[in-house]
Amino acid sequence: MDNHNSGSNPGSDEDHSFSEPETDSPVDSPRKPINTSNGALRLRSWLNKTLKIRMTDGRTLVGVFLCTDRDANVILGSCSEYLPPDSTVFNEDTRMLGLVMIPGKHIITVHIDMNEFPHEGRPQVSEAFDYL
């Protein structure tokens, strides 16, 4: 018996080397132009900042803004859920959700804490945006 393939399946003469798939180099492929509109620049400035989002069902989600899409869906990381206040029950429980996707159609308001990244000469306030 020939033992030239020790450690692999006996009788298999397969080559187990791996190679990178052939792709076009970034220099050869056309690049999309970067959107420099005011809205796109504002969204980029919010990346990795903490957002507080109120939803149509009354819940509030607080997490780190990771991305969005053209349908206004939002991805938050390290997200916590706060239930709507109930006057009959004292409830300060939060639920840690982790990574979440919030459908844009369920977003009522988005708040960002401007104290998290203050600008010189700008008052430290919270921005709020209504989507309904």
N, C-alpha and C. Protein backbone atom coordinates (compact mmCIF):
# COMPACT_ATOMS: atom_id res chain seq x y z
N MET A 1 0.84 -1.18 0.00
CA MET A 1 0.00 0.00 0.00
C MET A 1 0.88 1.24 0.00
N ASP A 2 0.57 2.18 -0.85
CA ASP A 2 1.34 3.41 -0.98
C ASP A 2 0.83 4.44 0.02
N ASN A 3 1.69 4.96 0.90
CA ASN A 3 1.30 5.90 1.94
C ASN A 3 1.74 7.33 1.63
N HIS A 4 1.68 7.75 0.40
CA HIS A 4 2.10 9.10 0.06
C HIS A 4 1.07 10.15 0.50
N ASN A 5 -0.14 9.75 0.84
CA ASN A 5 -1.19 10.67 1.28
C ASN A 5 -1.50 10.47 2.75
N SER A 6 -0.54 10.45 3.61
CA SER A 6 -0.83 10.23 5.03
C SER A 6 -1.65 11.39 5.57
N GLY A 7 -2.68 11.06 6.34
CA GLY A 7 -3.55 12.07 6.90
C GLY A 7 -4.77 12.36 6.06
N SER A 8 -4.83 11.85 4.84
CA SER A 8 -6.02 12.04 4.01
C SER A 8 -6.68 10.70 3.79
N ASN A 9 -7.78 10.70 3.11
CA ASN A 9 -8.51 9.47 2.85
C ASN A 9 -7.66 8.52 2.03
N PRO A 10 -7.58 7.24 2.45
CA PRO A 10 -6.80 6.28 1.68
C PRO A 10 -7.40 6.11 0.29
N GLY A 11 -6.53 6.01 -0.68
CA GLY A 11 -6.98 5.77 -2.04
C GLY A 11 -7.41 7.04 -2.74
N SER A 12 -7.40 8.17 -2.09
CA SER A 12 -7.82 9.40 -2.75
C SER A 12 -6.60 10.15 -3.22
N ASP A 13 -6.57 10.48 -4.48
CA ASP A 13 -5.45 11.22 -5.05
C ASP A 13 -5.84 12.66 -5.33
N GLU A 14 -6.79 13.21 -4.55
CA GLU A 14 -7.25 14.58 -4.77
C GLU A 14 -6.18 15.56 -4.34
N ASP A 15 -6.13 16.67 -5.04
CA ASP A 15 -5.24 17.76 -4.66
C ASP A 15 -5.99 18.63 -3.65
N HIS A 16 -5.46 18.79 -2.43
CA HIS A 16 -6.15 19.53 -1.39
C HIS A 16 -5.64 20.96 -1.25
N SER A 17 -4.97 21.46 -2.25
CA SER A 17 -4.51 22.85 -2.18
C SER A 17 -5.65 23.76 -2.59
N PHE A 18 -5.67 24.93 -1.98
CA PHE A 18 -6.74 25.89 -2.26
C PHE A 18 -6.11 27.10 -2.94
N SER A 19 -6.86 27.68 -3.84
CA SER A 19 -6.38 28.90 -4.48
C SER A 19 -7.49 29.95 -4.40
N GLU A 20 -7.08 31.20 -4.45
CA GLU A 20 -8.03 32.30 -4.42
C GLU A 20 -8.82 32.31 -5.72
N PRO A 21 -10.13 32.60 -5.63
CA PRO A 21 -10.90 32.70 -6.86
C PRO A 21 -10.43 33.90 -7.68
N GLU A 22 -10.50 33.72 -8.96
CA GLU A 22 -10.07 34.81 -9.83
C GLU A 22 -11.14 35.87 -9.86
N THR A 23 -10.77 37.11 -9.53
CA THR A 23 -11.70 38.24 -9.56
C THR A 23 -11.02 39.40 -10.24
N ASP A 24 -11.83 40.33 -10.67
CA ASP A 24 -11.28 41.54 -11.24
C ASP A 24 -10.63 42.36 -10.14
N SER A 25 -9.53 42.95 -10.43
CA SER A 25 -8.89 43.80 -9.43
C SER A 25 -9.72 45.08 -9.28
N PRO A 26 -9.67 45.72 -8.12
CA PRO A 26 -10.45 46.94 -7.90
C PRO A 26 -10.13 48.04 -8.90
N VAL A 27 -8.92 48.01 -9.46
CA VAL A 27 -8.53 49.02 -10.43
C VAL A 27 -9.31 48.85 -11.72
N ASP A 28 -9.60 47.59 -12.09
CA ASP A 28 -10.28 47.31 -13.34
C ASP A 28 -11.78 47.53 -13.27
N SER A 29 -12.39 47.37 -12.09
CA SER A 29 -13.84 47.47 -12.01
C SER A 29 -14.26 48.91 -11.78
N PRO A 30 -15.35 49.33 -12.43
CA PRO A 30 -15.81 50.71 -12.23
C PRO A 30 -16.37 50.88 -10.82
N ARG A 31 -16.11 52.00 -10.21
CA ARG A 31 -16.59 52.27 -8.86
C ARG A 31 -17.85 53.13 -8.93
N LYS A 32 -18.77 52.86 -7.99
CA LYS A 32 -19.96 53.69 -7.90
C LYS A 32 -19.57 55.03 -7.32
N PRO A 33 -20.17 56.10 -7.81
CA PRO A 33 -19.88 57.40 -7.20
C PRO A 33 -20.47 57.45 -5.79
N ILE A 34 -19.77 58.08 -4.87
CA ILE A 34 -20.24 58.21 -3.50
C ILE A 34 -21.29 59.30 -3.43
N ASN A 35 -22.41 58.99 -2.79
CA ASN A 35 -23.49 59.95 -2.65
C ASN A 35 -23.07 61.02 -1.65
N THR A 36 -23.02 62.26 -2.10
CA THR A 36 -22.59 63.36 -1.23
C THR A 36 -23.74 64.31 -0.91
N SER A 37 -24.97 63.84 -1.04
CA SER A 37 -26.11 64.69 -0.69
C SER A 37 -26.12 64.96 0.81
N ASN A 38 -26.83 65.99 1.23
CA ASN A 38 -26.90 66.34 2.65
C ASN A 38 -27.42 65.18 3.49
N GLY A 39 -28.45 64.49 3.01
CA GLY A 39 -29.02 63.37 3.75
C GLY A 39 -28.04 62.22 3.91
N ALA A 40 -27.32 61.91 2.83
CA ALA A 40 -26.34 60.82 2.89
C ALA A 40 -25.19 61.17 3.83
N LEU A 41 -24.75 62.41 3.79
CA LEU A 41 -23.68 62.84 4.70
C LEU A 41 -24.13 62.79 6.15
N ARG A 42 -25.39 63.17 6.40
CA ARG A 42 -25.92 63.12 7.77
C ARG A 42 -25.99 61.67 8.25
N LEU A 43 -26.49 60.77 7.40
CA LEU A 43 -26.56 59.36 7.79
C LEU A 43 -25.17 58.81 8.08
N ARG A 44 -24.18 59.15 7.25
CA ARG A 44 -22.82 58.68 7.49
C ARG A 44 -22.27 59.18 8.82
N SER A 45 -22.66 60.39 9.20
CA SER A 45 -22.17 60.94 10.48
C SER A 45 -22.78 60.20 11.66
N TRP A 46 -23.92 59.54 11.45
CA TRP A 46 -24.58 58.80 12.52
C TRP A 46 -24.03 57.39 12.70
N LEU A 47 -23.26 56.89 11.76
CA LEU A 47 -22.74 55.53 11.86
C LEU A 47 -22.00 55.33 13.17
N ASN A 48 -22.28 54.21 13.82
CA ASN A 48 -21.67 53.83 15.10
C ASN A 48 -22.04 54.76 16.25
N LYS A 49 -23.11 55.53 16.09
CA LYS A 49 -23.63 56.37 17.17
C LYS A 49 -24.87 55.71 17.74
N THR A 50 -25.22 56.06 18.97
CA THR A 50 -26.40 55.47 19.62
C THR A 50 -27.67 56.18 19.17
N LEU A 51 -28.62 55.40 18.68
CA LEU A 51 -29.93 55.92 18.26
C LEU A 51 -31.00 55.38 19.18
N LYS A 52 -32.04 56.18 19.38
CA LYS A 52 -33.23 55.75 20.11
C LYS A 52 -34.39 55.84 19.13
N ILE A 53 -35.01 54.71 18.84
CA ILE A 53 -36.07 54.64 17.83
C ILE A 53 -37.38 54.23 18.50
N ARG A 54 -38.43 55.06 18.30
CA ARG A 54 -39.76 54.73 18.80
C ARG A 54 -40.55 54.12 17.66
N MET A 55 -41.23 53.00 17.95
CA MET A 55 -41.93 52.25 16.92
C MET A 55 -43.44 52.40 17.06
N THR A 56 -44.16 52.01 16.01
CA THR A 56 -45.61 52.17 15.97
C THR A 56 -46.33 51.37 17.05
N ASP A 57 -45.74 50.29 17.55
CA ASP A 57 -46.39 49.48 18.58
C ASP A 57 -46.08 49.99 19.99
N GLY A 58 -45.37 51.13 20.10
CA GLY A 58 -45.09 51.72 21.39
C GLY A 58 -43.75 51.37 21.98
N ARG A 59 -43.09 50.36 21.46
CA ARG A 59 -41.78 49.99 21.98
C ARG A 59 -40.73 51.02 21.57
N THR A 60 -39.67 51.10 22.37
CA THR A 60 -38.53 51.95 22.05
C THR A 60 -37.30 51.07 22.01
N LEU A 61 -36.51 51.23 20.96
CA LEU A 61 -35.28 50.47 20.81
C LEU A 61 -34.10 51.43 20.86
N VAL A 62 -33.08 51.06 21.61
CA VAL A 62 -31.86 51.87 21.72
C VAL A 62 -30.69 50.99 21.34
N GLY A 63 -29.91 51.45 20.37
CA GLY A 63 -28.76 50.67 19.93
C GLY A 63 -27.84 51.47 19.05
N VAL A 64 -26.79 50.83 18.60
CA VAL A 64 -25.77 51.46 17.77
C VAL A 64 -26.18 51.35 16.31
N PHE A 65 -26.25 52.50 15.61
CA PHE A 65 -26.66 52.56 14.21
C PHE A 65 -25.58 51.95 13.32
N LEU A 66 -25.94 50.89 12.59
CA LEU A 66 -24.99 50.21 11.72
C LEU A 66 -25.24 50.46 10.25
N CYS A 67 -26.52 50.45 9.82
CA CYS A 67 -26.81 50.73 8.42
C CYS A 67 -28.30 50.94 8.20
N THR A 68 -28.61 51.39 7.00
CA THR A 68 -29.99 51.58 6.57
C THR A 68 -30.05 51.27 5.08
N ASP A 69 -31.25 51.29 4.53
CA ASP A 69 -31.40 51.06 3.09
C ASP A 69 -32.41 52.05 2.53
N ARG A 70 -32.71 51.92 1.25
CA ARG A 70 -33.60 52.88 0.59
C ARG A 70 -35.04 52.80 1.10
N ASP A 71 -35.41 51.72 1.78
CA ASP A 71 -36.76 51.58 2.33
C ASP A 71 -36.84 52.07 3.77
N ALA A 72 -35.78 52.70 4.27
CA ALA A 72 -35.69 53.24 5.63
C ALA A 72 -35.65 52.15 6.70
N ASN A 73 -35.34 50.91 6.31
CA ASN A 73 -35.09 49.87 7.31
C ASN A 73 -33.79 50.22 8.01
N VAL A 74 -33.71 49.95 9.30
CA VAL A 74 -32.54 50.33 10.09
C VAL A 74 -31.99 49.09 10.79
N ILE A 75 -30.67 48.95 10.81
CA ILE A 75 -29.99 47.89 11.55
C ILE A 75 -29.33 48.54 12.76
N LEU A 76 -29.66 48.03 13.96
CA LEU A 76 -29.03 48.48 15.20
C LEU A 76 -28.28 47.31 15.82
N GLY A 77 -27.10 47.58 16.35
CA GLY A 77 -26.33 46.59 17.08
C GLY A 77 -26.39 46.87 18.56
N SER A 78 -26.15 45.86 19.38
CA SER A 78 -26.18 45.98 20.84
C SER A 78 -27.46 46.67 21.29
N CYS A 79 -28.56 46.21 20.77
CA CYS A 79 -29.86 46.88 20.94
C CYS A 79 -30.58 46.39 22.20
N SER A 80 -31.22 47.34 22.88
CA SER A 80 -32.09 47.04 24.02
C SER A 80 -33.49 47.51 23.71
N GLU A 81 -34.48 46.76 24.21
CA GLU A 81 -35.89 47.08 23.98
C GLU A 81 -36.50 47.59 25.28
N TYR A 82 -37.25 48.68 25.17
CA TYR A 82 -37.98 49.24 26.30
C TYR A 82 -39.46 49.20 25.94
N LEU A 83 -40.25 48.61 26.82
CA LEU A 83 -41.68 48.50 26.58
C LEU A 83 -42.37 49.82 26.85
N PRO A 84 -43.55 50.03 26.25
CA PRO A 84 -44.26 51.29 26.49
C PRO A 84 -44.67 51.40 27.96
N PRO A 85 -44.68 52.62 28.49
CA PRO A 85 -45.06 52.78 29.89
C PRO A 85 -46.52 52.38 30.11
N ASP A 86 -46.75 51.68 31.21
CA ASP A 86 -48.09 51.26 31.59
C ASP A 86 -48.38 51.87 32.95
N SER A 87 -49.42 52.68 33.03
CA SER A 87 -49.71 53.41 34.27
C SER A 87 -50.15 52.48 35.41
N THR A 88 -50.60 51.26 35.07
CA THR A 88 -51.06 50.34 36.11
C THR A 88 -49.94 49.47 36.67
N VAL A 89 -48.84 49.37 35.95
CA VAL A 89 -47.75 48.49 36.36
C VAL A 89 -46.44 49.27 36.31
N PHE A 90 -45.64 49.17 37.38
CA PHE A 90 -44.31 49.78 37.38
C PHE A 90 -43.37 48.81 36.67
N ASN A 91 -42.88 49.23 35.51
CA ASN A 91 -42.07 48.32 34.70
C ASN A 91 -40.87 49.08 34.13
N GLU A 92 -39.70 48.81 34.65
CA GLU A 92 -38.48 49.37 34.09
C GLU A 92 -37.62 48.29 33.46
N ASP A 93 -38.22 47.14 33.20
CA ASP A 93 -37.47 46.04 32.61
C ASP A 93 -37.08 46.37 31.18
N THR A 94 -35.86 46.02 30.85
CA THR A 94 -35.41 46.12 29.47
C THR A 94 -35.04 44.72 29.01
N ARG A 95 -35.08 44.56 27.73
CA ARG A 95 -34.71 43.27 27.17
C ARG A 95 -33.57 43.51 26.18
N MET A 96 -32.47 42.80 26.37
CA MET A 96 -31.33 42.92 25.47
C MET A 96 -31.61 42.07 24.24
N LEU A 97 -31.61 42.70 23.07
CA LEU A 97 -31.93 41.99 21.84
C LEU A 97 -30.69 41.67 21.01
N GLY A 98 -29.68 42.52 21.06
CA GLY A 98 -28.49 42.30 20.24
C GLY A 98 -28.65 43.00 18.90
N LEU A 99 -28.45 42.28 17.81
CA LEU A 99 -28.54 42.83 16.46
C LEU A 99 -29.99 42.76 15.99
N VAL A 100 -30.55 43.90 15.56
CA VAL A 100 -31.95 43.93 15.12
C VAL A 100 -32.08 44.68 13.80
N MET A 101 -33.11 44.32 13.05
CA MET A 101 -33.50 45.05 11.85
C MET A 101 -34.90 45.61 12.13
N ILE A 102 -35.05 46.92 12.00
CA ILE A 102 -36.32 47.58 12.25
C ILE A 102 -36.89 48.00 10.90
N PRO A 103 -38.05 47.47 10.52
CA PRO A 103 -38.66 47.89 9.25
C PRO A 103 -38.98 49.38 9.29
N GLY A 104 -38.64 50.08 8.23
CA GLY A 104 -38.86 51.52 8.16
C GLY A 104 -40.31 51.91 8.34
N LYS A 105 -41.24 51.05 7.91
CA LYS A 105 -42.66 51.38 8.03
C LYS A 105 -43.14 51.39 9.48
N HIS A 106 -42.35 50.84 10.41
CA HIS A 106 -42.73 50.81 11.82
C HIS A 106 -42.03 51.88 12.66
N ILE A 107 -41.22 52.72 12.03
CA ILE A 107 -40.48 53.75 12.75
C ILE A 107 -41.30 55.02 12.83
N ILE A 108 -41.47 55.53 14.06
CA ILE A 108 -42.17 56.80 14.25
C ILE A 108 -41.16 57.94 14.41
N THR A 109 -40.23 57.79 15.34
CA THR A 109 -39.21 58.82 15.54
C THR A 109 -37.84 58.18 15.72
N VAL A 110 -36.82 58.95 15.36
CA VAL A 110 -35.43 58.55 15.56
C VAL A 110 -34.76 59.69 16.32
N HIS A 111 -34.15 59.38 17.44
CA HIS A 111 -33.42 60.37 18.23
C HIS A 111 -31.95 59.98 18.25
N ILE A 112 -31.10 60.98 18.13
CA ILE A 112 -29.67 60.74 18.26
C ILE A 112 -29.15 61.70 19.32
N ASP A 113 -28.32 61.20 20.20
CA ASP A 113 -27.77 62.02 21.27
C ASP A 113 -26.59 62.80 20.72
N MET A 114 -26.78 64.10 20.55
CA MET A 114 -25.72 64.94 20.02
C MET A 114 -24.59 65.12 21.03
N ASN A 115 -24.83 64.81 22.31
CA ASN A 115 -23.77 64.89 23.32
C ASN A 115 -22.71 63.82 23.09
N GLU A 116 -23.08 62.79 22.34
CA GLU A 116 -22.15 61.70 22.08
C GLU A 116 -21.01 62.15 21.16
N PHE A 117 -21.30 63.12 20.30
CA PHE A 117 -20.26 63.65 19.41
C PHE A 117 -20.50 65.14 19.20
N PRO A 118 -20.21 65.97 20.23
CA PRO A 118 -20.47 67.40 20.12
C PRO A 118 -19.54 68.08 19.11
N HIS A 119 -20.07 69.13 18.48
CA HIS A 119 -19.30 69.94 17.55
C HIS A 119 -19.00 71.27 18.21
N GLU A 120 -17.88 71.85 17.87
CA GLU A 120 -17.51 73.13 18.45
C GLU A 120 -18.54 74.19 18.08
N GLY A 121 -18.92 75.01 19.07
CA GLY A 121 -19.84 76.11 18.83
C GLY A 121 -21.28 75.67 18.65
N ARG A 122 -21.57 74.41 18.82
CA ARG A 122 -22.92 73.91 18.63
C ARG A 122 -23.49 73.51 19.99
N PRO A 123 -24.72 73.94 20.31
CA PRO A 123 -25.29 73.54 21.59
C PRO A 123 -25.48 72.03 21.65
N GLN A 124 -25.34 71.46 22.83
CA GLN A 124 -25.49 70.02 22.99
C GLN A 124 -26.97 69.71 23.20
N VAL A 125 -27.60 69.18 22.19
CA VAL A 125 -29.03 68.89 22.20
C VAL A 125 -29.27 67.53 21.58
N SER A 126 -30.50 67.09 21.62
CA SER A 126 -30.88 65.84 20.98
C SER A 126 -31.67 66.18 19.72
N GLU A 127 -31.33 65.54 18.61
CA GLU A 127 -32.09 65.72 17.37
C GLU A 127 -33.17 64.66 17.32
N ALA A 128 -34.33 65.03 16.85
CA ALA A 128 -35.42 64.07 16.68
C ALA A 128 -36.00 64.26 15.29
N PHE A 129 -36.37 63.16 14.66
CA PHE A 129 -36.93 63.21 13.32
C PHE A 129 -38.19 62.36 13.30
N ASP A 130 -39.29 62.93 12.84
CA ASP A 130 -40.55 62.21 12.74
C ASP A 130 -40.68 61.64 11.33
N TYR A 131 -41.11 60.39 11.24
CA TYR A 131 -41.24 59.74 9.95
C TYR A 131 -42.68 59.48 9.55
N LEU A 132 -43.64 59.76 10.40
CA LEU A 132 -45.04 59.52 10.03
C LEU A 132 -45.73 60.76 9.60
